[in-house]
C-alpha atoms as a PDB file:
ATOM      1  CA  MET A   1     117.320 138.002 166.750  1.00  0.00           C
ATOM      2  CA  ASN A   2     120.226 139.638 165.181  1.00  0.00           C
ATOM      3  CA  ARG A   3     122.078 142.763 166.437  1.00  0.00           C
ATOM      4  CA  ARG A   4     120.239 145.206 164.127  1.00  0.00           C
ATOM      5  CA  GLU A   5     116.567 143.804 164.986  1.00  0.00           C
ATOM      6  CA  PHE A   6     117.563 144.034 168.665  1.00  0.00           C
ATOM      7  CA  LEU A   7     118.555 147.678 168.507  1.00  0.00           C
ATOM      8  CA  ASN A   8     115.588 148.697 166.305  1.00  0.00           C
ATOM      9  CA  ASP A   9     113.271 147.230 168.764  1.00  0.00           C
ATOM     10  CA  LEU A  10     115.074 148.975 171.664  1.00  0.00           C
ATOM     11  CA  MET A  11     114.962 152.279 169.886  1.00  0.00           C
ATOM     12  CA  VAL A  12     111.271 151.704 169.178  1.00  0.00           C
ATOM     13  CA  GLY A  13     110.665 151.140 172.831  1.00  0.00           C
ATOM     14  CA  ALA A  14     112.516 154.425 173.716  1.00  0.00           C
ATOM     15  CA  ALA A  15     110.514 156.334 171.020  1.00  0.00           C
ATOM     16  CA  ALA A  16     107.241 155.004 172.562  1.00  0.00           C
ATOM     17  CA  LEU A  17     108.271 156.895 175.793  1.00  0.00           C
ATOM     18  CA  GLY A  18     108.126 160.074 173.789  1.00  0.00           C
ATOM     19  CA  THR A  19     111.829 161.087 174.458  1.00  0.00           C
ATOM     20  CA  SER A  20     115.248 161.170 172.759  1.00  0.00           C
ATOM     21  CA  ALA A  21     118.545 162.519 173.855  1.00  0.00           C
ATOM     22  CA  ILE A  22     121.007 164.511 171.871  1.00  0.00           C
ATOM     23  CA  LEU A  23     124.195 165.347 173.528  1.00  0.00           C
ATOM     24  CA  SER A  24     125.270 168.939 172.431  1.00  0.00           C
ATOM     25  CA  PRO A  25     129.063 169.784 172.085  1.00  0.00           C
ATOM     26  CA  ILE A  26     130.749 170.585 175.398  1.00  0.00           C
ATOM     27  CA  ARG A  27     133.528 172.954 175.780  1.00  0.00           C
ATOM     28  CA  ALA A  28     137.143 171.812 176.267  1.00  0.00           C
ATOM     29  CA  PHE A  29     138.040 170.058 179.417  1.00  0.00           C
ATOM     30  CA  ALA A  30     139.948 171.835 182.075  1.00  0.00           C
ATOM     31  CA  GLN A  31     143.569 170.674 182.899  1.00  0.00           C
ATOM     32  CA  ALA A  32     143.512 167.892 185.336  1.00  0.00           C
ATOM     33  CA  ALA A  33     144.725 168.619 188.924  1.00  0.00           C
ATOM     34  CA  THR A  34     148.134 167.199 189.922  1.00  0.00           C
ATOM     35  CA  ALA A  35     147.871 163.990 191.818  1.00  0.00           C
ATOM     36  CA  LYS A  36     150.167 161.068 192.808  1.00  0.00           C
ATOM     37  CA  THR A  37     148.320 158.683 190.444  1.00  0.00           C
ATOM     38  CA  SER A  38     148.562 157.683 186.815  1.00  0.00           C
ATOM     39  CA  PRO A  39     149.744 160.570 184.413  1.00  0.00           C
ATOM     40  CA  ALA A  40     146.690 160.515 182.314  1.00  0.00           C
ATOM     41  CA  PRO A  41     143.466 160.296 184.154  1.00  0.00           C
ATOM     42  CA  ARG A  42     140.206 159.844 182.323  1.00  0.00           C
ATOM     43  CA  ALA A  43     138.470 163.106 181.545  1.00  0.00           C
ATOM     44  CA  LEU A  44     134.762 163.506 182.621  1.00  0.00           C
ATOM     45  CA  SER A  45     132.592 166.610 182.365  1.00  0.00           C
ATOM     46  CA  VAL A  46     129.469 168.054 183.534  1.00  0.00           C
ATOM     47  CA  GLY A  47     127.975 170.043 180.871  1.00  0.00           C
ATOM     48  CA  TYR A  48     124.600 170.914 178.973  1.00  0.00           C
ATOM     49  CA  ARG A  49     122.582 168.873 176.562  1.00  0.00           C
ATOM     50  CA  THR A  50     119.274 169.265 174.659  1.00  0.00           C
ATOM     51  CA  ILE A  51     116.755 166.679 174.712  1.00  0.00           C
ATOM     52  CA  ASP A  52     113.323 166.348 172.887  1.00  0.00           C
ATOM     53  CA  VAL A  53     110.262 165.371 174.802  1.00  0.00           C
ATOM     54  CA  ASN A  54     107.008 165.034 172.816  1.00  0.00           C
ATOM     55  CA  GLY A  55     108.252 167.588 170.109  1.00  0.00           C
ATOM     56  CA  LYS A  56     109.373 170.022 172.622  1.00  0.00           C
ATOM     57  CA  SER A  57     112.940 170.693 173.484  1.00  0.00           C
ATOM     58  CA  ALA A  58     114.487 171.253 176.793  1.00  0.00           C
ATOM     59  CA  ARG A  59     117.963 171.736 178.181  1.00  0.00           C
ATOM     60  CA  ALA A  60     119.261 169.140 180.675  1.00  0.00           C
ATOM     61  CA  PHE A  61     122.511 168.271 182.053  1.00  0.00           C
ATOM     62  CA  GLY A  62     125.012 165.766 180.723  1.00  0.00           C
ATOM     63  CA  LEU A  63     127.958 163.898 182.060  1.00  0.00           C
ATOM     64  CA  VAL A  64     130.175 162.668 179.369  1.00  0.00           C
ATOM     65  CA  GLN A  65     133.829 161.753 178.392  1.00  0.00           C
ATOM     66  CA  ALA A  66     135.926 163.612 176.231  1.00  0.00           C
ATOM     67  CA  ASP A  67     134.790 161.573 173.177  1.00  0.00           C
ATOM     68  CA  GLY A  68     131.185 162.494 173.922  1.00  0.00           C
ATOM     69  CA  ARG A  69     130.152 159.141 175.367  1.00  0.00           C
ATOM     70  CA  PRO A  70     127.938 159.487 178.522  1.00  0.00           C
ATOM     71  CA  GLY A  71     129.103 157.835 181.839  1.00  0.00           C
ATOM     72  CA  LEU A  72     132.010 155.521 182.322  1.00  0.00           C
ATOM     73  CA  VAL A  73     132.852 151.890 181.435  1.00  0.00           C
ATOM     74  CA  LEU A  74     135.474 150.448 183.791  1.00  0.00           C
ATOM     75  CA  ASP A  75     137.291 147.059 184.421  1.00  0.00           C
ATOM     76  CA  ALA A  76     136.951 145.440 187.827  1.00  0.00           C
ATOM     77  CA  GLY A  77     140.109 145.318 189.959  1.00  0.00           C
ATOM     78  CA  THR A  78     141.696 148.531 188.155  1.00  0.00           C
ATOM     79  CA  GLN A  79     142.103 151.909 189.489  1.00  0.00           C
ATOM     80  CA  PHE A  80     139.339 154.540 189.137  1.00  0.00           C
ATOM     81  CA  ASP A  81     141.363 157.623 188.151  1.00  0.00           C
ATOM     82  CA  VAL A  82     138.959 160.398 186.620  1.00  0.00           C
ATOM     83  CA  ALA A  83     139.430 164.133 186.451  1.00  0.00           C
ATOM     84  CA  LEU A  84     136.045 165.585 186.772  1.00  0.00           C
ATOM     85  CA  SER A  85     135.350 169.032 185.222  1.00  0.00           C
ATOM     86  CA  SER A  86     132.443 171.315 185.206  1.00  0.00           C
ATOM     87  CA  VAL A  87     131.496 173.585 182.273  1.00  0.00           C
ATOM     88  CA  ILE A  88     127.996 174.504 183.794  1.00  0.00           C
ATOM     89  CA  ASP A  89     127.182 177.899 185.507  1.00  0.00           C
ATOM     90  CA  GLU A  90     126.498 176.675 188.895  1.00  0.00           C
ATOM     91  CA  PRO A  91     128.364 174.434 191.553  1.00  0.00           C
ATOM     92  CA  THR A  92     127.857 170.641 191.532  1.00  0.00           C
ATOM     93  CA  LEU A  93     129.197 167.424 192.618  1.00  0.00           C
ATOM     94  CA  ILE A  94     128.997 163.797 191.501  1.00  0.00           C
ATOM     95  CA  HIS A  95     128.372 160.701 193.723  1.00  0.00           C
ATOM     96  CA  TRP A  96     129.787 157.418 192.386  1.00  0.00           C
ATOM     97  CA  HIS A  97     126.783 155.309 193.117  1.00  0.00           C
ATOM     98  CA  GLY A  98     127.807 151.591 193.842  1.00  0.00           C
ATOM     99  CA  LEU A  99     131.566 152.243 194.177  1.00  0.00           C
ATOM    100  CA  THR A 100     133.142 152.438 197.645  1.00  0.00           C
ATOM    101  CA  PRO A 101     135.598 155.547 197.335  1.00  0.00           C
ATOM    102  CA  PRO A 102     137.184 157.217 200.319  1.00  0.00           C
ATOM    103  CA  TRP A 103     134.593 159.254 202.347  1.00  0.00           C
ATOM    104  CA  ALA A 104     136.161 162.591 201.002  1.00  0.00           C
ATOM    105  CA  ALA A 105     135.555 161.334 197.383  1.00  0.00           C
ATOM    106  CA  ASP A 106     132.089 160.024 197.906  1.00  0.00           C
ATOM    107  CA  GLY A 107     130.344 163.028 196.202  1.00  0.00           C
ATOM    108  CA  VAL A 108     127.913 164.056 199.029  1.00  0.00           C
ATOM    109  CA  PRO A 109     128.150 168.075 199.169  1.00  0.00           C
ATOM    110  CA  ASP A 110     129.812 169.369 202.295  1.00  0.00           C
ATOM    111  CA  ASN A 111     130.102 165.786 203.687  1.00  0.00           C
ATOM    112  CA  PRO A 112     132.977 166.686 203.748  1.00  0.00           C
ATOM    113  CA  ALA A 113     133.874 167.700 200.038  1.00  0.00           C
ATOM    114  CA  ALA A 114     132.827 171.131 198.739  1.00  0.00           C
ATOM    115  CA  LEU A 115     130.929 171.533 195.613  1.00  0.00           C
ATOM    116  CA  LEU A 116     132.675 171.577 192.348  1.00  0.00           C
ATOM    117  CA  ARG A 117     132.796 175.076 191.155  1.00  0.00           C
ATOM    118  CA  PRO A 118     132.182 176.219 187.569  1.00  0.00           C
ATOM    119  CA  THR A 119     135.408 175.625 185.425  1.00  0.00           C
ATOM    120  CA  GLU A 120     137.121 173.667 188.302  1.00  0.00           C
ATOM    121  CA  THR A 121     138.593 170.366 187.849  1.00  0.00           C
ATOM    122  CA  ARG A 122     138.988 167.617 190.560  1.00  0.00           C
ATOM    123  CA  ARG A 123     140.682 164.486 190.332  1.00  0.00           C
ATOM    124  CA  TYR A 124     139.420 161.263 191.916  1.00  0.00           C
ATOM    125  CA  ALA A 125     141.644 158.178 192.391  1.00  0.00           C
ATOM    126  CA  PHE A 126     140.695 154.968 194.185  1.00  0.00           C
ATOM    127  CA  PRO A 127     140.215 151.223 193.512  1.00  0.00           C
ATOM    128  CA  VAL A 128     137.302 150.443 191.296  1.00  0.00           C
ATOM    129  CA  GLY A 129     136.395 147.268 193.114  1.00  0.00           C
ATOM    130  CA  ALA A 130     134.150 144.555 191.873  1.00  0.00           C
ATOM    131  CA  GLY A 131     132.092 144.447 188.824  1.00  0.00           C
ATOM    132  CA  GLY A 132     128.432 145.688 188.768  1.00  0.00           C
ATOM    133  CA  THR A 133     125.919 147.816 186.877  1.00  0.00           C
ATOM    134  CA  HIS A 134     126.017 151.199 188.664  1.00  0.00           C
ATOM    135  CA  TRP A 135     125.339 154.947 187.915  1.00  0.00           C
ATOM    136  CA  MET A 136     126.664 158.110 188.833  1.00  0.00           C
ATOM    137  CA  HIS A 137     124.550 161.220 189.822  1.00  0.00           C
ATOM    138  CA  ALA A 138     124.493 164.548 191.590  1.00  0.00           C
ATOM    139  CA  HIS A 139     123.286 164.629 195.288  1.00  0.00           C
ATOM    140  CA  THR A 140     121.590 167.881 194.523  1.00  0.00           C
ATOM    141  CA  LEU A 141     118.355 168.891 192.900  1.00  0.00           C
ATOM    142  CA  GLN A 142     120.354 168.876 189.561  1.00  0.00           C
ATOM    143  CA  GLU A 143     119.836 165.050 189.494  1.00  0.00           C
ATOM    144  CA  GLN A 144     116.167 165.795 188.713  1.00  0.00           C
ATOM    145  CA  ASN A 145     117.316 167.594 185.440  1.00  0.00           C
ATOM    146  CA  LEU A 146     119.148 164.484 184.462  1.00  0.00           C
ATOM    147  CA  LEU A 147     122.655 164.898 185.861  1.00  0.00           C
ATOM    148  CA  ALA A 148     123.144 161.116 185.982  1.00  0.00           C
ATOM    149  CA  ALA A 149     125.006 158.685 183.686  1.00  0.00           C
ATOM    150  CA  PRO A 150     125.802 154.906 183.652  1.00  0.00           C
ATOM    151  CA  LEU A 151     128.767 153.645 185.629  1.00  0.00           C
ATOM    152  CA  ILE A 152     129.515 150.169 184.325  1.00  0.00           C
ATOM    153  CA  VAL A 153     132.295 148.023 185.865  1.00  0.00           C
ATOM    154  CA  ARG A 154     133.012 144.782 183.731  1.00  0.00           C
ATOM    155  CA  THR A 155     134.589 141.663 185.071  1.00  0.00           C
ATOM    156  CA  ALA A 156     136.885 139.286 183.433  1.00  0.00           C
ATOM    157  CA  ASP A 157     134.004 136.923 182.564  1.00  0.00           C
ATOM    158  CA  ASP A 158     132.160 139.881 181.122  1.00  0.00           C
ATOM    159  CA  LEU A 159     135.223 140.585 178.654  1.00  0.00           C
ATOM    160  CA  LYS A 160     135.230 136.994 177.558  1.00  0.00           C
ATOM    161  CA  ARG A 161     131.817 137.052 176.475  1.00  0.00           C
ATOM    162  CA  ASP A 162     131.000 137.187 172.879  1.00  0.00           C
ATOM    163  CA  GLU A 163     128.109 139.648 173.247  1.00  0.00           C
ATOM    164  CA  GLN A 164     127.305 143.132 172.349  1.00  0.00           C
ATOM    165  CA  GLU A 165     126.524 145.044 175.475  1.00  0.00           C
ATOM    166  CA  VAL A 166     123.754 147.833 175.469  1.00  0.00           C
ATOM    167  CA  VAL A 167     123.369 150.008 178.431  1.00  0.00           C
ATOM    168  CA  VAL A 168     120.012 151.892 178.833  1.00  0.00           C
ATOM    169  CA  LEU A 169     119.378 154.454 181.603  1.00  0.00           C
ATOM    170  CA  LEU A 170     115.728 155.449 182.247  1.00  0.00           C
ATOM    171  CA  HIS A 171     115.052 158.636 184.044  1.00  0.00           C
ATOM    172  CA  ASP A 172     111.813 160.751 184.830  1.00  0.00           C
ATOM    173  CA  PHE A 173     111.619 164.109 183.317  1.00  0.00           C
ATOM    174  CA  SER A 174     109.464 167.213 183.882  1.00  0.00           C
ATOM    175  CA  PHE A 175     109.464 170.445 182.165  1.00  0.00           C
ATOM    176  CA  LEU A 176     108.968 172.027 185.656  1.00  0.00           C
ATOM    177  CA  SER A 177     112.311 172.924 187.398  1.00  0.00           C
ATOM    178  CA  ALA A 178     113.386 170.748 190.165  1.00  0.00           C
ATOM    179  CA  GLU A 179     112.677 173.647 192.743  1.00  0.00           C
ATOM    180  CA  GLU A 180     109.005 173.766 191.501  1.00  0.00           C
ATOM    181  CA  LEU A 181     108.688 169.995 191.787  1.00  0.00           C
ATOM    182  CA  LEU A 182     109.925 170.207 195.290  1.00  0.00           C
ATOM    183  CA  ALA A 183     107.457 172.961 196.211  1.00  0.00           C
ATOM    184  CA  LYS A 184     104.616 170.773 194.691  1.00  0.00           C
ATOM    185  CA  LEU A 185     105.563 167.973 196.751  1.00  0.00           C
ATOM    186  CA  LYS A 186     105.684 170.074 199.720  1.00  0.00           C
ATOM    187  CA  GLY A 187     102.108 171.382 198.856  1.00  0.00           C
ATOM    188  CA  ASN A 188     102.916 175.058 198.620  1.00  0.00           C
ATOM    189  CA  ALA A 189     102.921 175.497 194.808  1.00  0.00           C
ATOM    190  CA  ALA A 190     100.193 176.795 192.525  1.00  0.00           C
ATOM    191  CA  PRO A 191      99.720 175.089 189.202  1.00  0.00           C
ATOM    192  CA  ARG A 192     101.512 176.870 186.359  1.00  0.00           C
ATOM    193  CA  ARG A 193      99.591 177.606 183.065  1.00  0.00           C
ATOM    194  CA  ASP A 194     100.772 179.016 179.597  1.00  0.00           C
ATOM    195  CA  ALA A 195      99.018 181.686 177.710  1.00  0.00           C
ATOM    196  CA  ASP A 196      96.078 179.589 176.604  1.00  0.00           C
ATOM    197  CA  GLY A 197      95.540 178.065 180.036  1.00  0.00           C
ATOM    198  CA  THR A 198      97.225 174.803 179.579  1.00  0.00           C
ATOM    199  CA  ARG A 199      98.751 173.429 182.755  1.00  0.00           C
ATOM    200  CA  LEU A 200     102.574 173.320 182.182  1.00  0.00           C
ATOM    201  CA  ASP A 201     102.944 170.597 184.795  1.00  0.00           C
ATOM    202  CA  ALA A 202     100.808 168.299 182.812  1.00  0.00           C
ATOM    203  CA  GLY A 203     103.482 167.523 180.162  1.00  0.00           C
ATOM    204  CA  HIS A 204     105.730 164.974 181.778  1.00  0.00           C
ATOM    205  CA  GLY A 205     107.732 162.448 179.877  1.00  0.00           C
ATOM    206  CA  ARG A 206     110.331 159.762 180.569  1.00  0.00           C
ATOM    207  CA  HIS A 207     113.781 160.341 179.212  1.00  0.00           C
ATOM    208  CA  ALA A 208     115.610 157.423 178.017  1.00  0.00           C
ATOM    209  CA  ALA A 209     119.336 157.618 177.450  1.00  0.00           C
ATOM    210  CA  ASP A 210     120.995 154.658 175.864  1.00  0.00           C
ATOM    211  CA  ASP A 211     124.704 153.984 175.317  1.00  0.00           C
ATOM    212  CA  ASP A 212     125.784 150.735 173.281  1.00  0.00           C
ATOM    213  CA  ARG A 213     129.003 149.050 173.677  1.00  0.00           C
ATOM    214  CA  GLN A 214     130.209 147.102 170.922  1.00  0.00           C
ATOM    215  CA  ARG A 215     132.375 144.019 172.492  1.00  0.00           C
ATOM    216  CA  HIS A 216     132.708 141.741 169.402  1.00  0.00           C
ATOM    217  CA  GLY A 217     136.232 142.641 168.305  1.00  0.00           C
ATOM    218  CA  GLY A 218     136.731 145.237 170.846  1.00  0.00           C
ATOM    219  CA  HIS A 219     135.356 148.178 168.585  1.00  0.00           C
ATOM    220  CA  GLY A 220     132.760 149.245 166.300  1.00  0.00           C
ATOM    221  CA  ASP A 221     129.642 151.208 165.965  1.00  0.00           C
ATOM    222  CA  ALA A 222     126.556 149.164 166.874  1.00  0.00           C
ATOM    223  CA  GLY A 223     124.387 151.222 164.398  1.00  0.00           C
ATOM    224  CA  ASN A 224     126.592 150.418 161.234  1.00  0.00           C
ATOM    225  CA  GLY A 225     126.728 147.354 159.270  1.00  0.00           C
ATOM    226  CA  ASP A 226     125.085 143.892 159.922  1.00  0.00           C
ATOM    227  CA  HIS A 227     127.662 141.310 161.270  1.00  0.00           C
ATOM    228  CA  GLY A 228     125.003 138.631 161.477  1.00  0.00           C
ATOM    229  CA  PRO A 229     123.392 136.999 164.475  1.00  0.00           C
ATOM    230  CA  GLN A 230     124.983 138.012 167.906  1.00  0.00           C
ATOM    231  CA  ARG A 231     124.250 137.523 171.454  1.00  0.00           C
ATOM    232  CA  HIS A 232     123.386 140.632 173.323  1.00  0.00           C
ATOM    233  CA  ARG A 233     123.435 141.651 176.958  1.00  0.00           C
ATOM    234  CA  LEU A 234     121.159 144.479 178.252  1.00  0.00           C
ATOM    235  CA  ARG A 235     122.163 146.548 181.347  1.00  0.00           C
ATOM    236  CA  ARG A 236     119.207 148.502 182.401  1.00  0.00           C
ATOM    237  CA  LEU A 237     119.190 151.335 185.080  1.00  0.00           C
ATOM    238  CA  SER A 238     116.122 152.908 186.011  1.00  0.00           C
ATOM    239  CA  ARG A 239     115.536 156.071 188.006  1.00  0.00           C
ATOM    240  CA  GLN A 240     111.914 156.610 188.288  1.00  0.00           C
END
Protein backbone atom coordinates (compact mmCIF):
# COMPACT_ATOMS: atom_id res chain seq x y z
CA MET A 1 0.00 0.00 0.00
CA ASN A 2 1.44 3.38 -0.93
CA ARG A 3 1.11 6.59 1.05
CA ARG A 4 -1.83 8.00 -0.93
CA GLU A 5 -3.86 4.77 -0.62
CA PHE A 6 -3.18 4.62 3.12
CA LEU A 7 -4.29 8.19 3.74
CA ASN A 8 -7.36 7.80 1.51
CA ASP A 9 -8.40 4.72 3.49
CA LEU A 10 -7.81 6.60 6.74
CA MET A 11 -9.93 9.56 5.64
CA VAL A 12 -12.73 7.24 4.47
CA GLY A 13 -12.69 5.67 7.93
CA ALA A 14 -12.94 9.07 9.56
CA ALA A 15 -15.77 10.08 7.23
CA ALA A 16 -17.63 6.92 8.18
CA LEU A 17 -17.71 8.22 11.72
CA GLY A 18 -19.68 11.19 10.40
CA THR A 19 -17.31 13.96 11.41
CA SER A 20 -14.57 16.22 10.14
CA ALA A 21 -12.51 18.88 11.86
CA ILE A 22 -11.66 22.30 10.50
CA LEU A 23 -9.47 24.57 12.53
CA SER A 24 -10.60 28.17 12.35
CA PRO A 25 -8.00 30.95 12.45
CA ILE A 26 -6.99 31.86 15.96
CA ARG A 27 -5.94 35.34 17.03
CA ALA A 28 -2.33 36.28 17.57
CA PHE A 29 -0.56 34.72 20.51
CA ALA A 30 0.17 36.84 23.55
CA GLN A 31 3.78 37.62 24.37
CA ALA A 32 5.53 34.81 26.25
CA ALA A 33 6.20 35.29 29.93
CA THR A 34 9.78 35.87 31.05
CA ALA A 35 11.54 32.74 32.28
CA LYS A 36 15.09 31.48 32.72
CA THR A 37 14.86 29.03 29.83
CA SER A 38 15.57 29.16 26.11
CA PRO A 39 14.85 32.56 24.50
CA ALA A 40 12.15 31.26 22.14
CA PRO A 41 9.57 28.91 23.67
CA ARG A 42 7.17 27.08 21.40
CA ALA A 43 3.82 28.87 21.22
CA LEU A 44 0.66 26.88 21.93
CA SER A 45 -2.80 28.42 22.07
CA VAL A 46 -6.24 27.43 23.32
CA GLY A 47 -8.84 28.76 20.89
CA TYR A 48 -12.04 27.91 19.07
CA ARG A 49 -12.65 25.86 15.92
CA THR A 50 -15.66 24.73 13.92
CA ILE A 51 -16.38 21.05 13.28
CA ASP A 52 -19.04 19.39 11.14
CA VAL A 53 -20.96 16.42 12.54
CA ASN A 54 -23.43 14.73 10.21
CA GLY A 55 -23.93 17.96 8.27
CA LYS A 56 -24.39 20.13 11.34
CA SER A 57 -21.73 22.59 12.49
CA ALA A 58 -20.64 23.03 16.08
CA ARG A 59 -18.10 25.15 17.90
CA ALA A 60 -15.43 23.28 19.81
CA PHE A 61 -12.12 24.08 21.40
CA GLY A 62 -8.78 23.78 19.64
CA LEU A 63 -5.24 23.48 20.95
CA VAL A 64 -2.80 24.51 18.23
CA GLN A 65 0.68 25.79 17.54
CA ALA A 66 1.36 29.12 15.85
CA ASP A 67 1.30 27.45 12.41
CA GLY A 68 -2.15 25.94 13.07
CA ARG A 69 -0.99 22.38 13.71
CA PRO A 70 -2.83 20.68 16.58
CA GLY A 71 -0.86 19.45 19.57
CA LEU A 72 2.89 19.04 19.90
CA VAL A 73 5.60 16.76 18.52
CA LEU A 74 8.73 16.73 20.68
CA ASP A 75 11.99 14.81 20.83
CA ALA A 76 12.84 12.62 23.81
CA GLY A 77 15.55 13.94 26.08
CA THR A 78 15.01 17.59 25.14
CA GLN A 79 13.48 20.45 27.08
CA PHE A 80 9.73 21.05 27.15
CA ASP A 81 9.58 24.84 26.71
CA VAL A 82 6.08 26.03 25.81
CA ALA A 83 4.28 29.35 26.13
CA LEU A 84 0.61 28.45 26.58
CA SER A 85 -1.83 31.23 25.65
CA SER A 86 -5.60 31.40 25.79
CA VAL A 87 -7.88 33.29 23.42
CA ILE A 88 -11.13 31.78 24.66
CA ASP A 89 -13.55 33.72 26.86
CA GLU A 90 -13.33 31.51 29.94
CA PRO A 91 -10.55 30.25 32.26
CA THR A 92 -8.84 26.99 31.38
CA LEU A 93 -5.76 24.88 32.09
CA ILE A 94 -3.95 22.10 30.22
CA HIS A 95 -2.62 18.83 31.65
CA TRP A 96 0.39 17.26 29.89
CA HIS A 97 -0.79 13.65 30.04
CA GLY A 98 2.09 11.16 29.92
CA LEU A 99 4.82 13.63 30.86
CA THR A 100 6.21 14.19 34.35
CA PRO A 101 6.37 17.95 34.93
CA PRO A 102 6.85 19.54 38.34
CA TRP A 103 3.70 19.42 40.44
CA ALA A 104 3.00 23.15 39.93
CA ALA A 105 3.06 22.65 36.13
CA ASP A 106 0.93 19.49 36.00
CA GLY A 107 -2.20 21.32 34.83
CA VAL A 108 -4.73 20.31 37.48
CA PRO A 109 -6.74 23.45 38.44
CA ASP A 110 -5.88 24.84 41.89
CA ASN A 111 -3.66 21.86 42.61
CA PRO A 112 -1.75 24.09 42.99
CA ALA A 113 -1.80 26.15 39.77
CA ALA A 114 -4.60 28.64 39.16
CA LEU A 115 -6.62 28.51 35.95
CA LEU A 116 -5.21 30.29 32.92
CA ARG A 117 -7.22 33.48 32.39
CA PRO A 118 -8.43 34.73 28.98
CA THR A 119 -5.57 36.49 27.11
CA GLU A 120 -3.04 35.23 29.69
CA THR A 121 0.18 33.45 28.68
CA ARG A 122 1.98 31.01 30.95
CA ARG A 123 5.37 29.48 30.26
CA TYR A 124 6.18 25.85 31.07
CA ALA A 125 9.73 24.47 31.16
CA PHE A 126 10.80 20.98 32.27
CA PRO A 127 12.52 17.90 30.76
CA VAL A 128 10.47 16.10 28.10
CA GLY A 129 11.58 12.67 29.28
CA ALA A 130 11.26 9.39 27.37
CA GLY A 131 9.41 8.82 24.11
CA GLY A 132 5.76 7.90 23.80
CA THR A 133 2.33 8.57 22.31
CA HIS A 134 0.60 10.92 24.75
CA TRP A 135 -2.03 13.65 24.73
CA MET A 136 -2.75 16.98 26.36
CA HIS A 137 -6.16 17.99 27.66
CA ALA A 138 -8.10 20.18 30.05
CA HIS A 139 -8.85 18.84 33.52
CA THR A 140 -12.22 20.62 33.37
CA LEU A 141 -15.54 20.01 31.60
CA GLN A 142 -13.99 21.74 28.58
CA GLU A 143 -12.31 18.45 27.69
CA GLN A 144 -15.75 17.09 26.74
CA ASN A 145 -15.94 19.87 24.16
CA LEU A 146 -12.75 18.58 22.52
CA LEU A 147 -10.14 20.58 24.41
CA ALA A 148 -7.49 17.94 23.76
CA ALA A 149 -4.67 17.32 21.30
CA PRO A 150 -1.88 14.83 20.58
CA LEU A 151 1.39 15.07 22.49
CA ILE A 152 3.95 12.95 20.68
CA VAL A 153 7.49 12.38 21.97
CA ARG A 154 9.78 10.81 19.37
CA THR A 155 12.80 8.70 20.26
CA ALA A 156 16.10 8.60 18.39
CA ASP A 157 14.95 5.31 16.80
CA ASP A 158 11.73 6.98 15.64
CA LEU A 159 13.72 9.66 13.84
CA LYS A 160 15.83 7.06 12.02
CA ARG A 161 12.84 5.22 10.57
CA ASP A 162 12.03 5.75 6.91
CA GLU A 163 8.32 6.08 7.64
CA GLN A 164 5.54 8.57 7.36
CA GLU A 165 3.86 9.05 10.72
CA VAL A 166 0.13 9.67 10.97
CA VAL A 167 -1.40 10.71 14.31
CA VAL A 168 -5.14 10.20 14.86
CA LEU A 169 -7.00 11.37 17.97
CA LEU A 170 -10.50 9.94 18.40
CA HIS A 171 -12.85 11.74 20.74
CA ASP A 172 -16.54 11.42 21.63
CA PHE A 173 -18.73 14.39 20.74
CA SER A 174 -22.23 15.54 21.66
CA PHE A 175 -24.23 18.62 20.72
CA LEU A 176 -25.26 18.77 24.36
CA SER A 177 -23.08 20.94 26.57
CA ALA A 178 -20.77 19.25 29.05
CA GLU A 179 -22.91 20.60 31.88
CA GLU A 180 -26.04 19.02 30.41
CA LEU A 181 -24.27 15.70 29.92
CA LEU A 182 -23.11 15.76 33.52
CA ALA A 183 -26.66 16.50 34.69
CA LYS A 184 -27.95 13.54 32.64
CA LEU A 185 -25.34 11.26 34.18
CA LYS A 186 -26.56 12.37 37.59
CA GLY A 187 -30.12 11.58 36.53
CA ASN A 188 -31.59 15.04 37.03
CA ALA A 189 -31.96 16.36 33.48
CA ALA A 190 -35.02 16.14 31.22
CA PRO A 191 -34.53 15.25 27.52
CA ARG A 192 -34.18 18.32 25.27
CA ARG A 193 -36.25 18.56 22.10
CA ASP A 194 -36.24 20.97 19.17
CA ALA A 195 -39.32 22.64 17.60
CA ASP A 196 -40.48 19.48 15.79
CA GLY A 197 -40.10 17.31 18.87
CA THR A 198 -36.85 15.60 17.91
CA ARG A 199 -34.65 14.78 20.88
CA LEU A 200 -31.53 16.88 20.68
CA ASP A 201 -29.51 14.44 22.73
CA ALA A 202 -30.03 11.74 20.10
CA GLY A 203 -27.49 13.25 17.72
CA HIS A 204 -24.14 12.05 18.95
CA GLY A 205 -21.13 11.56 16.77
CA ARG A 206 -17.49 10.72 17.14
CA HIS A 207 -15.00 13.40 16.31
CA ALA A 208 -11.81 12.22 14.66
CA ALA A 209 -8.96 14.70 14.45
CA ASP A 210 -5.99 13.65 12.40
CA ASP A 211 -2.58 15.14 12.07
CA ASP A 212 0.00 13.73 9.70
CA ARG A 213 3.73 14.10 10.03
CA GLN A 214 5.92 13.63 6.95
CA ARG A 215 9.21 12.11 8.07
CA HIS A 216 10.74 11.17 4.72
CA GLY A 217 13.16 13.99 3.99
CA GLY A 218 12.01 15.80 7.12
CA HIS A 219 9.41 17.99 5.35
CA GLY A 220 6.41 17.88 3.08
CA ASP A 221 2.64 17.69 2.95
CA ALA A 222 1.30 14.16 3.09
CA GLY A 223 -1.63 15.14 0.89
CA ASN A 224 0.42 16.38 -2.07
CA GLY A 225 2.27 14.36 -4.66
CA ASP A 226 3.00 10.68 -4.94
CA HIS A 227 6.46 9.63 -3.84
CA GLY A 228 5.90 5.93 -4.35
CA PRO A 229 5.46 3.16 -1.75
CA GLN A 230 6.45 4.08 1.79
CA ARG A 231 6.21 2.57 5.23
CA HIS A 232 3.72 4.16 7.61
CA ARG A 233 3.38 4.34 11.34
CA LEU A 234 0.00 5.06 12.87
CA ARG A 235 -0.20 6.63 16.32
CA ARG A 236 -3.77 6.27 17.58
CA LEU A 237 -5.14 7.99 20.67
CA SER A 238 -8.70 7.27 21.74
CA ARG A 239 -10.80 9.33 24.17
CA GLN A 240 -14.15 7.54 24.23
